[in-house]
Amino acid sequence: MSRLQLRRLRLRVQTEAGPHGADLEFWPGLNVLEARNSRGKSICTQAVLYGLGMEAMLGPRHDVPLPDAMTTRLRTREGAWARVLESQVWLEIEGVDGRVANLARWAKHPTIDRRLVSVWDGPVLTDGGAYAQHDHLVRDEGVVTREVGLHHFLAGLMGWQIPEILRTDGRTTPLYPEYMFALLFVEQRGGWSGLQALAWARGEQERPTYDPT
């Protein structure tokens, strides 16, 4: 059986006025994130997708799908605006057999490629400590089929056998995780009304054709 549980989310932003950030802890089962408007709910949910390398389900553009507070500027507690210099998303997840991994991905950095995701094989955010570390790529060709791809790693962590589906030219292609993850996030006003348009927005492949037989 496949399994993926969110454990912790950490957002870190370095601005010209100093560091800022937030930490969220998730529990097994239903988690409800409640706050007033403009308090960071959207940043947190979008950061989960970004940390998992699933932002292609939000659209075909390769821009960071995070609000200005993670990429451009944020308002400090004193009410002043501060320019964002660097920002990073950390996400701790648990897969099958209790296997835990921490993912770290830069949202803004002067030199590090945003397609790079660093992975630690252990509960770094929860317990700290030193663990084996390896790097993977997202938004790149072969992210499911090659070991360097993050989604190849996630499929193993989740115990997920990636199926092959038919393309319009008769060839097969992996069923990319963005298609399924789009079903797990529901927009509060539109629901799943934009799901199809978002799912086909992946720029690296053609829209798949399903064979009902």
Protein backbone atom coordinates (compact mmCIF):
# COMPACT_ATOMS: atom_id res chain seq x y z
CA MET A 1 0.00 0.00 0.00
CA SER A 2 1.29 3.47 -0.88
CA ARG A 3 1.60 6.14 1.80
CA LEU A 4 2.68 9.75 2.12
CA GLN A 5 2.27 11.75 5.33
CA LEU A 6 3.30 15.36 5.84
CA ARG A 7 5.14 15.81 9.14
CA ARG A 8 6.62 19.32 9.24
CA LEU A 9 6.94 22.40 7.06
CA ARG A 10 9.55 25.08 7.57
CA LEU A 11 9.74 28.37 5.64
CA ARG A 12 12.81 30.56 5.92
CA VAL A 13 13.25 33.98 4.36
CA GLN A 14 16.34 36.16 4.62
CA THR A 15 15.57 39.82 3.98
CA GLU A 16 17.55 43.03 4.11
CA ALA A 17 15.88 43.62 7.50
CA GLY A 18 16.82 40.21 8.91
CA PRO A 19 15.45 36.64 8.94
CA HIS A 20 11.78 35.66 8.93
CA GLY A 21 9.93 32.38 8.71
CA ALA A 22 7.30 29.98 9.97
CA ASP A 23 7.07 26.35 11.13
CA LEU A 24 4.06 24.06 10.91
CA GLU A 25 3.63 20.60 12.39
CA PHE A 26 1.22 18.13 10.82
CA TRP A 27 -0.44 15.18 12.53
CA PRO A 28 -1.79 11.90 11.10
CA GLY A 29 -5.28 12.28 9.72
CA LEU A 30 -7.08 15.53 8.95
CA ASN A 31 -5.19 18.78 9.53
CA VAL A 32 -7.07 22.07 9.43
CA LEU A 33 -5.14 25.27 8.78
CA GLU A 34 -7.17 28.22 10.04
CA ALA A 35 -6.18 31.90 10.04
CA ARG A 36 -7.47 35.30 8.98
CA ASN A 37 -6.91 36.55 5.45
CA SER A 38 -3.34 37.41 4.47
CA ARG A 39 -1.87 35.35 7.32
CA GLY A 40 0.03 32.83 5.18
CA LYS A 41 -2.39 29.93 4.58
CA SER A 42 -1.84 30.05 0.81
CA ILE A 43 1.93 30.34 1.22
CA CYS A 44 1.98 27.19 3.36
CA THR A 45 -0.16 25.06 1.03
CA GLN A 46 1.71 26.23 -2.05
CA ALA A 47 5.02 25.63 -0.29
CA VAL A 48 4.05 21.97 0.25
CA LEU A 49 3.52 21.57 -3.50
CA TYR A 50 6.73 23.43 -4.25
CA GLY A 51 8.73 21.34 -1.80
CA LEU A 52 7.46 18.17 -3.46
CA GLY A 53 8.24 19.52 -6.93
CA MET A 54 4.56 19.39 -7.92
CA GLU A 55 4.11 23.00 -9.03
CA ALA A 56 3.58 21.95 -12.66
CA MET A 57 -0.01 21.08 -11.68
CA LEU A 58 -0.58 24.80 -11.04
CA GLY A 59 0.31 25.82 -14.59
CA PRO A 60 2.93 25.54 -17.36
CA ARG A 61 5.10 28.46 -16.23
CA HIS A 62 8.39 27.72 -14.49
CA ASP A 63 8.17 30.67 -12.10
CA VAL A 64 8.18 29.97 -8.37
CA PRO A 65 4.49 29.50 -7.43
CA LEU A 66 4.84 31.34 -4.13
CA PRO A 67 3.62 34.81 -3.10
CA ASP A 68 5.82 37.89 -2.90
CA ALA A 69 6.65 37.26 0.76
CA MET A 70 8.84 34.34 -0.35
CA THR A 71 10.24 35.83 -3.55
CA THR A 72 10.16 39.63 -3.67
CA ARG A 73 9.30 41.50 -0.46
CA LEU A 74 7.45 41.02 2.80
CA ARG A 75 5.95 43.23 5.46
CA THR A 76 7.75 43.00 8.80
CA ARG A 77 6.04 42.98 12.20
CA GLU A 78 6.81 46.69 12.41
CA GLY A 79 4.82 47.30 9.21
CA ALA A 80 7.79 48.13 6.99
CA TRP A 81 8.53 46.47 3.66
CA ALA A 82 11.75 44.43 3.37
CA ARG A 83 13.29 43.04 0.20
CA VAL A 84 13.71 39.25 0.04
CA LEU A 85 17.32 38.18 -0.52
CA GLU A 86 16.99 34.39 -0.12
CA SER A 87 14.20 31.98 0.75
CA GLN A 88 13.91 28.24 1.24
CA VAL A 89 11.22 25.59 1.79
CA TRP A 90 11.84 22.59 4.06
CA LEU A 91 9.39 19.69 4.13
CA GLU A 92 9.52 16.55 6.27
CA ILE A 93 7.51 13.60 4.97
CA GLU A 94 6.96 9.96 5.89
CA GLY A 95 6.41 7.11 3.46
CA VAL A 96 5.89 3.37 3.69
CA ASP A 97 7.45 1.38 6.55
CA GLY A 98 7.89 4.60 8.57
CA ARG A 99 10.61 5.85 6.24
CA VAL A 100 11.19 9.59 6.82
CA ALA A 101 12.83 12.09 4.49
CA ASN A 102 13.46 15.82 4.59
CA LEU A 103 13.32 17.85 1.40
CA ALA A 104 14.89 21.31 1.07
CA ARG A 105 14.39 23.52 -1.97
CA TRP A 106 15.39 27.13 -2.56
CA ALA A 107 12.66 29.48 -3.73
CA LYS A 108 15.15 32.31 -4.21
CA HIS A 109 18.94 32.13 -4.26
CA PRO A 110 21.54 34.05 -6.26
CA THR A 111 23.40 30.95 -7.47
CA ILE A 112 21.54 27.69 -6.66
CA ASP A 113 19.21 26.32 -9.35
CA ARG A 114 15.57 26.12 -8.18
CA ARG A 115 15.23 22.74 -9.89
CA LEU A 116 17.59 21.23 -7.32
CA VAL A 117 16.05 19.55 -4.26
CA SER A 118 18.28 18.33 -1.43
CA VAL A 119 17.08 15.25 0.46
CA TRP A 120 18.11 13.91 3.87
CA ASP A 121 17.18 10.33 4.79
CA GLY A 122 15.91 11.06 8.28
CA PRO A 123 13.80 13.36 10.52
CA VAL A 124 16.00 16.46 10.35
CA LEU A 125 13.23 18.91 11.30
CA THR A 126 11.74 16.71 14.00
CA ASP A 127 14.77 15.25 15.73
CA GLY A 128 17.83 16.87 14.18
CA GLY A 129 20.95 14.78 13.70
CA ALA A 130 23.12 13.81 10.74
CA TYR A 131 21.74 11.69 7.92
CA ALA A 132 22.71 10.62 4.42
CA GLN A 133 22.09 13.44 1.95
CA HIS A 134 21.53 13.33 -1.82
CA ASP A 135 20.29 15.78 -4.47
CA HIS A 136 17.53 15.39 -7.05
CA LEU A 137 16.01 17.41 -9.87
CA VAL A 138 12.47 18.55 -10.64
CA ARG A 139 10.93 20.23 -13.70
CA ASP A 140 13.39 18.29 -15.84
CA GLU A 141 13.17 15.41 -18.28
CA GLY A 142 13.13 11.99 -16.66
CA VAL A 143 12.09 13.08 -13.15
CA VAL A 144 10.12 9.82 -12.80
CA THR A 145 12.26 7.35 -14.74
CA ARG A 146 15.79 8.40 -13.69
CA GLU A 147 17.30 8.05 -10.21
CA VAL A 148 18.32 11.71 -10.25
CA GLY A 149 14.65 12.71 -10.55
CA LEU A 150 12.87 13.72 -7.33
CA HIS A 151 9.65 12.01 -8.36
CA HIS A 152 11.55 8.76 -8.90
CA PHE A 153 12.73 9.04 -5.29
CA LEU A 154 9.25 9.97 -4.01
CA ALA A 155 7.66 7.02 -5.81
CA GLY A 156 9.99 4.68 -3.94
CA LEU A 157 9.38 6.43 -0.63
CA MET A 158 5.61 6.21 -1.08
CA GLY A 159 5.64 2.63 -2.38
CA TRP A 160 4.07 3.90 -5.58
CA GLN A 161 4.37 1.94 -8.82
CA ILE A 162 4.21 4.57 -11.58
CA PRO A 163 1.96 3.23 -14.39
CA GLU A 164 2.41 3.86 -18.11
CA ILE A 165 -0.35 5.56 -20.09
CA LEU A 166 -0.95 6.09 -23.80
CA ARG A 167 -0.09 9.33 -25.57
CA THR A 168 -1.85 10.70 -28.62
CA ASP A 169 0.90 9.36 -30.89
CA GLY A 170 0.41 5.80 -29.62
CA ARG A 171 3.52 5.73 -27.47
CA THR A 172 3.46 5.35 -23.70
CA THR A 173 4.59 7.77 -21.03
CA PRO A 174 4.75 7.60 -17.23
CA LEU A 175 1.68 8.89 -15.39
CA TYR A 176 3.40 11.89 -13.83
CA PRO A 177 2.56 12.50 -10.14
CA GLU A 178 1.23 16.00 -10.88
CA TYR A 179 -1.88 14.39 -12.38
CA MET A 180 -2.76 12.60 -9.13
CA PHE A 181 -1.64 15.32 -6.75
CA ALA A 182 -4.02 17.74 -8.45
CA LEU A 183 -6.81 15.64 -6.93
CA LEU A 184 -5.49 16.11 -3.39
CA PHE A 185 -5.63 19.92 -3.32
CA VAL A 186 -9.02 21.61 -3.56
CA GLU A 187 -9.31 25.34 -4.19
CA GLN A 188 -11.75 26.82 -1.68
CA ARG A 189 -13.90 28.63 -4.25
CA GLY A 190 -13.48 26.76 -7.53
CA GLY A 191 -13.08 23.22 -6.20
CA TRP A 192 -11.77 20.96 -8.94
CA SER A 193 -13.28 23.04 -11.76
CA GLY A 194 -9.85 23.91 -13.18
CA LEU A 195 -8.33 20.47 -12.67
CA GLN A 196 -8.25 19.42 -16.31
CA ALA A 197 -6.64 22.61 -17.52
CA LEU A 198 -4.04 22.43 -14.78
CA ALA A 199 -3.28 18.77 -15.29
CA TRP A 200 -2.59 19.19 -19.00
CA ALA A 201 -0.43 22.24 -18.40
CA ARG A 202 2.77 20.23 -18.10
CA GLY A 203 4.98 21.56 -20.86
CA GLU A 204 7.30 18.55 -21.28
CA GLN A 205 4.74 16.09 -22.62
CA GLU A 206 1.60 15.79 -24.67
CA ARG A 207 -1.84 15.31 -23.26
CA PRO A 208 -2.28 11.55 -22.65
CA THR A 209 -5.04 9.49 -24.19
CA TYR A 210 -6.70 6.89 -21.97
CA ASP A 211 -7.72 3.57 -23.46
CA PRO A 212 -11.01 2.48 -21.80
CA THR A 213 -10.29 -1.14 -22.67
